[in-house]
């Protein structure tokens, strides 16, 4: 999950895991993401602010809540990830909402998602 330096403070992100800056963006662990913390704290204030400030037309609170409430492991679309050689880490390119739910609901450990739930893009 990528955020700018100012985003860490703006969205109250207090990373518990190591993070790195890549091209002005902070790459944070899924458990430090706005998405995960909204679910964990049952507080969507920063999520709504993030969606508004980043002008994300494809996302809104109602859709996120619907995804959580109707989450079906058998029907989810694979989470797109790509490997960043410089950081030596996989980065989520599509699926932060789904991954946050998977990890929060403890379907899988955040570092051990089965390959059938992932779409690994070559860089």
N, C-alpha and C. Protein backbone atom coordinates (compact mmCIF):
# COMPACT_ATOMS: atom_id res chain seq x y z
N UNK A 1 0.86 -1.16 0.00
CA UNK A 1 0.00 0.00 0.00
C UNK A 1 0.90 1.22 0.00
N UNK A 2 0.72 2.13 -0.93
CA UNK A 2 1.59 3.30 -1.07
C UNK A 2 0.91 4.57 -0.55
N UNK A 3 1.66 5.33 0.20
CA UNK A 3 1.22 6.62 0.72
C UNK A 3 2.38 7.59 0.60
N UNK A 4 2.09 8.88 0.49
CA UNK A 4 3.16 9.87 0.48
C UNK A 4 3.61 10.11 1.92
N UNK A 5 4.72 10.81 2.06
CA UNK A 5 5.25 11.13 3.38
C UNK A 5 4.20 11.83 4.23
N UNK A 6 3.51 12.81 3.66
CA UNK A 6 2.49 13.56 4.40
C UNK A 6 1.28 12.70 4.74
N UNK A 7 1.01 11.68 3.93
CA UNK A 7 -0.14 10.82 4.17
C UNK A 7 -0.04 10.09 5.50
N UNK A 8 1.16 9.73 5.90
CA UNK A 8 1.32 8.99 7.16
C UNK A 8 0.69 9.78 8.30
N UNK A 9 0.92 11.07 8.33
CA UNK A 9 0.35 11.92 9.37
C UNK A 9 -1.11 12.27 9.07
N UNK A 10 -1.39 12.64 7.83
CA UNK A 10 -2.73 13.05 7.44
C UNK A 10 -3.79 11.99 7.73
N UNK A 11 -3.45 10.73 7.48
CA UNK A 11 -4.40 9.64 7.68
C UNK A 11 -4.13 8.85 8.96
N UNK A 12 -3.36 9.45 9.86
CA UNK A 12 -3.09 8.87 11.17
C UNK A 12 -2.47 7.47 11.08
N UNK A 13 -1.58 7.28 10.14
CA UNK A 13 -0.89 6.00 9.98
C UNK A 13 0.32 6.00 10.89
N UNK A 14 0.33 5.07 11.83
CA UNK A 14 1.45 4.92 12.76
C UNK A 14 2.00 3.51 12.56
N UNK A 15 2.89 3.37 11.59
CA UNK A 15 3.34 2.03 11.21
C UNK A 15 3.96 1.23 12.36
N UNK A 16 3.49 0.00 12.46
CA UNK A 16 4.05 -0.94 13.42
C UNK A 16 5.11 -1.81 12.73
N UNK A 17 5.04 -1.84 11.40
CA UNK A 17 5.98 -2.62 10.61
C UNK A 17 6.92 -1.66 9.88
N UNK A 18 8.05 -2.19 9.46
CA UNK A 18 8.98 -1.38 8.68
C UNK A 18 8.29 -0.90 7.41
N UNK A 19 8.62 0.28 6.99
CA UNK A 19 8.11 0.81 5.73
C UNK A 19 9.24 1.52 5.03
N UNK A 20 9.07 1.71 3.74
CA UNK A 20 10.10 2.36 2.95
C UNK A 20 9.45 3.38 2.04
N UNK A 21 10.26 4.36 1.64
CA UNK A 21 9.78 5.34 0.68
C UNK A 21 10.30 4.95 -0.69
N UNK A 22 9.41 5.02 -1.66
CA UNK A 22 9.74 4.66 -3.03
C UNK A 22 9.13 5.73 -3.94
N UNK A 23 9.97 6.58 -4.51
CA UNK A 23 9.46 7.63 -5.38
C UNK A 23 8.52 8.59 -4.69
N UNK A 24 8.77 8.91 -3.44
CA UNK A 24 7.93 9.85 -2.69
C UNK A 24 6.75 9.20 -2.00
N UNK A 25 6.55 7.92 -2.20
CA UNK A 25 5.45 7.21 -1.55
C UNK A 25 5.98 6.27 -0.48
N UNK A 26 5.25 6.18 0.61
CA UNK A 26 5.59 5.23 1.66
C UNK A 26 4.87 3.92 1.35
N UNK A 27 5.63 2.86 1.30
CA UNK A 27 5.06 1.53 1.08
C UNK A 27 4.90 0.91 2.46
N UNK A 28 3.63 0.69 2.87
CA UNK A 28 3.36 0.18 4.21
C UNK A 28 2.83 -1.25 4.16
N UNK A 29 3.01 -1.95 5.25
CA UNK A 29 2.48 -3.30 5.44
C UNK A 29 0.95 -3.21 5.43
N UNK A 30 0.28 -4.23 4.97
CA UNK A 30 -1.18 -4.21 4.89
C UNK A 30 -1.81 -3.91 6.25
N UNK A 31 -1.21 -4.38 7.34
CA UNK A 31 -1.76 -4.13 8.68
C UNK A 31 -1.57 -2.68 9.14
N UNK A 32 -0.79 -1.91 8.40
CA UNK A 32 -0.63 -0.49 8.68
C UNK A 32 -1.44 0.37 7.69
N UNK A 33 -2.19 -0.26 6.82
CA UNK A 33 -2.91 0.47 5.78
C UNK A 33 -4.18 1.13 6.32
N UNK A 34 -4.63 2.14 5.61
CA UNK A 34 -5.88 2.82 5.94
C UNK A 34 -7.04 1.83 5.91
N UNK A 35 -7.05 0.96 4.92
CA UNK A 35 -8.13 -0.02 4.74
C UNK A 35 -8.23 -0.95 5.95
N UNK A 36 -7.11 -1.55 6.31
CA UNK A 36 -7.08 -2.51 7.42
C UNK A 36 -7.47 -1.83 8.73
N UNK A 37 -6.91 -0.65 8.98
CA UNK A 37 -7.18 0.03 10.24
C UNK A 37 -8.62 0.51 10.35
N UNK A 38 -9.24 0.84 9.24
CA UNK A 38 -10.66 1.20 9.26
C UNK A 38 -11.49 0.02 9.76
N UNK A 39 -11.19 -1.16 9.25
CA UNK A 39 -11.91 -2.37 9.67
C UNK A 39 -11.61 -2.68 11.13
N UNK A 40 -10.33 -2.72 11.45
CA UNK A 40 -9.89 -3.09 12.80
C UNK A 40 -10.49 -2.18 13.87
N UNK A 41 -10.49 -0.88 13.62
CA UNK A 41 -10.97 0.09 14.60
C UNK A 41 -12.46 0.41 14.46
N UNK A 42 -13.08 -0.16 13.43
CA UNK A 42 -14.47 0.16 13.11
C UNK A 42 -14.69 1.67 13.07
N UNK A 43 -13.72 2.32 12.44
CA UNK A 43 -13.75 3.78 12.30
C UNK A 43 -13.29 4.10 10.87
N UNK A 44 -14.19 4.61 10.08
CA UNK A 44 -13.93 4.83 8.66
C UNK A 44 -13.64 6.30 8.34
N UNK A 45 -13.37 7.09 9.35
CA UNK A 45 -13.10 8.52 9.17
C UNK A 45 -11.93 8.74 8.21
N UNK A 46 -10.80 8.09 8.47
CA UNK A 46 -9.62 8.30 7.62
C UNK A 46 -9.79 7.65 6.26
N UNK A 47 -10.53 6.55 6.21
CA UNK A 47 -10.80 5.91 4.92
C UNK A 47 -11.61 6.86 4.03
N UNK A 48 -12.66 7.45 4.58
CA UNK A 48 -13.49 8.38 3.81
C UNK A 48 -12.67 9.60 3.36
N UNK A 49 -11.84 10.09 4.23
CA UNK A 49 -10.97 11.22 3.91
C UNK A 49 -10.01 10.85 2.78
N UNK A 50 -9.44 9.66 2.86
CA UNK A 50 -8.51 9.17 1.85
C UNK A 50 -9.19 9.05 0.48
N UNK A 51 -10.36 8.47 0.45
CA UNK A 51 -11.11 8.30 -0.80
C UNK A 51 -11.44 9.67 -1.41
N UNK A 52 -11.85 10.60 -0.57
CA UNK A 52 -12.19 11.94 -1.05
C UNK A 52 -10.95 12.67 -1.57
N UNK A 53 -9.89 12.67 -0.78
CA UNK A 53 -8.67 13.41 -1.13
C UNK A 53 -7.96 12.85 -2.36
N UNK A 54 -8.08 11.55 -2.59
CA UNK A 54 -7.41 10.93 -3.73
C UNK A 54 -8.35 10.79 -4.93
N UNK A 55 -9.58 11.29 -4.77
CA UNK A 55 -10.54 11.31 -5.87
C UNK A 55 -10.73 9.94 -6.52
N UNK A 56 -10.93 8.93 -5.68
CA UNK A 56 -11.09 7.56 -6.18
C UNK A 56 -12.55 7.31 -6.55
N UNK A 57 -12.82 7.35 -7.82
CA UNK A 57 -14.19 7.18 -8.32
C UNK A 57 -14.71 5.75 -8.15
N UNK A 58 -13.80 4.78 -8.12
CA UNK A 58 -14.20 3.38 -8.04
C UNK A 58 -14.46 2.91 -6.61
N UNK A 59 -14.16 3.74 -5.61
CA UNK A 59 -14.29 3.32 -4.22
C UNK A 59 -15.16 4.28 -3.44
N UNK A 60 -15.90 3.70 -2.48
CA UNK A 60 -16.68 4.50 -1.55
C UNK A 60 -16.98 3.63 -0.33
N UNK A 61 -17.41 4.26 0.73
CA UNK A 61 -17.63 3.54 1.98
C UNK A 61 -18.72 2.47 1.84
N UNK A 62 -19.78 2.79 1.13
CA UNK A 62 -20.87 1.81 0.98
C UNK A 62 -20.39 0.53 0.30
N UNK A 63 -19.58 0.68 -0.75
CA UNK A 63 -19.06 -0.48 -1.47
C UNK A 63 -18.11 -1.28 -0.58
N UNK A 64 -17.27 -0.59 0.17
CA UNK A 64 -16.33 -1.26 1.09
C UNK A 64 -17.10 -2.03 2.16
N UNK A 65 -18.13 -1.44 2.72
CA UNK A 65 -18.93 -2.11 3.74
C UNK A 65 -19.66 -3.33 3.15
N UNK A 66 -20.17 -3.17 1.95
CA UNK A 66 -20.85 -4.28 1.28
C UNK A 66 -19.88 -5.44 1.05
N UNK A 67 -18.66 -5.10 0.62
CA UNK A 67 -17.63 -6.13 0.41
C UNK A 67 -17.34 -6.86 1.71
N UNK A 68 -17.23 -6.13 2.80
CA UNK A 68 -16.97 -6.76 4.10
C UNK A 68 -18.12 -7.64 4.54
N UNK A 69 -19.32 -7.12 4.45
CA UNK A 69 -20.50 -7.84 4.95
C UNK A 69 -20.87 -9.04 4.10
N UNK A 70 -20.54 -9.01 2.83
CA UNK A 70 -20.89 -10.12 1.93
C UNK A 70 -19.66 -10.89 1.47
N UNK A 71 -18.58 -10.78 2.23
CA UNK A 71 -17.32 -11.37 1.81
C UNK A 71 -17.44 -12.88 1.70
N UNK A 72 -17.05 -13.39 0.54
CA UNK A 72 -17.14 -14.82 0.29
C UNK A 72 -15.80 -15.27 -0.29
N UNK A 73 -15.09 -16.04 0.46
CA UNK A 73 -13.76 -16.50 0.07
C UNK A 73 -13.77 -17.24 -1.27
N UNK A 74 -14.87 -17.90 -1.58
CA UNK A 74 -14.96 -18.67 -2.82
C UNK A 74 -15.21 -17.79 -4.05
N UNK A 75 -15.61 -16.54 -3.82
CA UNK A 75 -15.97 -15.68 -4.95
C UNK A 75 -15.06 -14.48 -5.16
N UNK A 76 -14.02 -14.32 -4.33
CA UNK A 76 -13.21 -13.11 -4.47
C UNK A 76 -12.29 -13.17 -5.69
N UNK A 77 -12.11 -12.01 -6.25
CA UNK A 77 -11.20 -11.83 -7.38
C UNK A 77 -9.77 -11.89 -6.84
N UNK A 78 -8.83 -12.49 -7.56
CA UNK A 78 -7.44 -12.55 -7.07
C UNK A 78 -6.87 -11.16 -6.82
N UNK A 79 -6.01 -11.09 -5.84
CA UNK A 79 -5.33 -9.84 -5.46
C UNK A 79 -4.10 -9.71 -6.35
N UNK A 80 -4.01 -8.58 -7.07
CA UNK A 80 -2.88 -8.35 -7.97
C UNK A 80 -1.69 -7.81 -7.19
N UNK A 81 -0.57 -8.48 -7.34
CA UNK A 81 0.66 -8.03 -6.69
C UNK A 81 1.78 -8.03 -7.72
N UNK A 82 2.79 -7.22 -7.45
CA UNK A 82 3.97 -7.23 -8.31
C UNK A 82 5.20 -7.14 -7.41
N UNK A 83 6.27 -7.77 -7.85
CA UNK A 83 7.49 -7.78 -7.06
C UNK A 83 8.32 -6.56 -7.39
N UNK A 84 8.75 -5.86 -6.36
CA UNK A 84 9.62 -4.71 -6.51
C UNK A 84 11.03 -5.16 -6.18
N UNK A 85 11.88 -5.26 -7.19
CA UNK A 85 13.24 -5.76 -7.00
C UNK A 85 14.05 -4.89 -6.05
N UNK A 86 13.92 -3.58 -6.18
CA UNK A 86 14.70 -2.67 -5.34
C UNK A 86 14.34 -2.83 -3.86
N UNK A 87 13.04 -2.96 -3.58
CA UNK A 87 12.59 -3.11 -2.20
C UNK A 87 12.63 -4.56 -1.72
N UNK A 88 12.73 -5.48 -2.68
CA UNK A 88 12.72 -6.92 -2.38
C UNK A 88 11.42 -7.31 -1.67
N UNK A 89 10.30 -6.75 -2.17
CA UNK A 89 8.98 -7.00 -1.58
C UNK A 89 7.92 -7.05 -2.67
N UNK A 90 6.83 -7.74 -2.36
CA UNK A 90 5.66 -7.70 -3.22
C UNK A 90 4.82 -6.49 -2.83
N UNK A 91 4.28 -5.80 -3.83
CA UNK A 91 3.45 -4.62 -3.62
C UNK A 91 2.07 -4.91 -4.21
N UNK A 92 1.02 -4.60 -3.47
CA UNK A 92 -0.35 -4.80 -3.95
C UNK A 92 -0.66 -3.71 -4.97
N UNK A 93 -1.04 -4.12 -6.18
CA UNK A 93 -1.43 -3.14 -7.20
C UNK A 93 -2.94 -3.07 -7.36
N UNK A 94 -3.65 -4.10 -6.93
CA UNK A 94 -5.11 -4.09 -6.92
C UNK A 94 -5.58 -5.13 -5.93
N UNK A 95 -6.33 -4.69 -4.92
CA UNK A 95 -6.87 -5.64 -3.97
C UNK A 95 -6.60 -5.31 -2.51
N UNK A 96 -6.26 -4.06 -2.21
CA UNK A 96 -6.00 -3.68 -0.81
C UNK A 96 -7.23 -3.91 0.07
N UNK A 97 -8.41 -3.63 -0.47
CA UNK A 97 -9.63 -3.85 0.31
C UNK A 97 -9.79 -5.33 0.62
N UNK A 98 -9.67 -6.17 -0.41
CA UNK A 98 -9.83 -7.62 -0.23
C UNK A 98 -8.78 -8.19 0.70
N UNK A 99 -7.53 -7.76 0.52
CA UNK A 99 -6.44 -8.26 1.37
C UNK A 99 -6.65 -7.83 2.81
N UNK A 100 -7.10 -6.62 3.03
CA UNK A 100 -7.36 -6.14 4.39
C UNK A 100 -8.42 -7.01 5.07
N UNK A 101 -9.46 -7.35 4.34
CA UNK A 101 -10.52 -8.19 4.90
C UNK A 101 -10.00 -9.60 5.18
N UNK A 102 -9.27 -10.17 4.23
CA UNK A 102 -8.69 -11.51 4.41
C UNK A 102 -7.83 -11.58 5.67
N UNK A 103 -6.98 -10.58 5.84
CA UNK A 103 -6.07 -10.57 6.99
C UNK A 103 -6.82 -10.27 8.28
N UNK A 104 -7.72 -9.30 8.26
CA UNK A 104 -8.47 -8.96 9.47
C UNK A 104 -9.30 -10.14 9.96
N UNK A 105 -9.97 -10.80 9.04
CA UNK A 105 -10.83 -11.93 9.42
C UNK A 105 -10.02 -13.21 9.66
N UNK A 106 -8.71 -13.09 9.55
CA UNK A 106 -7.78 -14.17 9.83
C UNK A 106 -8.01 -15.42 8.97
N UNK A 107 -8.42 -15.18 7.72
CA UNK A 107 -8.50 -16.30 6.79
C UNK A 107 -7.10 -16.85 6.57
N UNK A 108 -6.13 -15.94 6.49
CA UNK A 108 -4.74 -16.30 6.29
C UNK A 108 -3.87 -15.32 7.04
N UNK A 109 -2.67 -15.75 7.37
CA UNK A 109 -1.68 -14.83 7.94
C UNK A 109 -1.25 -13.88 6.83
N UNK A 110 -1.01 -12.60 7.16
CA UNK A 110 -0.69 -11.60 6.14
C UNK A 110 0.54 -11.93 5.31
N UNK A 111 1.40 -12.78 5.79
CA UNK A 111 2.60 -13.14 5.03
C UNK A 111 2.50 -14.53 4.39
N UNK A 112 1.30 -15.08 4.40
CA UNK A 112 1.14 -16.44 3.88
C UNK A 112 -0.20 -16.60 3.15
N UNK A 113 -0.41 -15.79 2.11
CA UNK A 113 -1.63 -15.87 1.31
C UNK A 113 -1.42 -16.94 0.24
N UNK A 114 -2.31 -17.93 0.14
CA UNK A 114 -2.14 -18.96 -0.89
C UNK A 114 -2.13 -18.38 -2.30
N UNK A 115 -1.33 -18.98 -3.16
CA UNK A 115 -1.15 -18.47 -4.52
C UNK A 115 -2.44 -18.38 -5.32
N UNK A 116 -3.41 -19.24 -5.04
CA UNK A 116 -4.66 -19.18 -5.81
C UNK A 116 -5.45 -17.90 -5.55
N UNK A 117 -5.10 -17.16 -4.51
CA UNK A 117 -5.76 -15.89 -4.22
C UNK A 117 -4.97 -14.70 -4.74
N UNK A 118 -3.88 -14.99 -5.43
CA UNK A 118 -3.01 -13.93 -5.92
C UNK A 118 -2.87 -13.98 -7.45
N UNK A 119 -2.72 -12.80 -8.01
CA UNK A 119 -2.37 -12.67 -9.42
C UNK A 119 -1.03 -11.93 -9.44
N UNK A 120 0.03 -12.68 -9.69
CA UNK A 120 1.38 -12.11 -9.61
C UNK A 120 1.76 -11.55 -10.97
N UNK A 121 1.97 -10.25 -11.00
CA UNK A 121 2.35 -9.58 -12.24
C UNK A 121 3.86 -9.53 -12.35
N UNK A 122 4.33 -9.75 -13.55
CA UNK A 122 5.76 -9.63 -13.81
C UNK A 122 6.07 -8.18 -14.09
N UNK A 123 7.18 -7.71 -13.55
CA UNK A 123 7.58 -6.31 -13.72
C UNK A 123 8.55 -6.20 -14.88
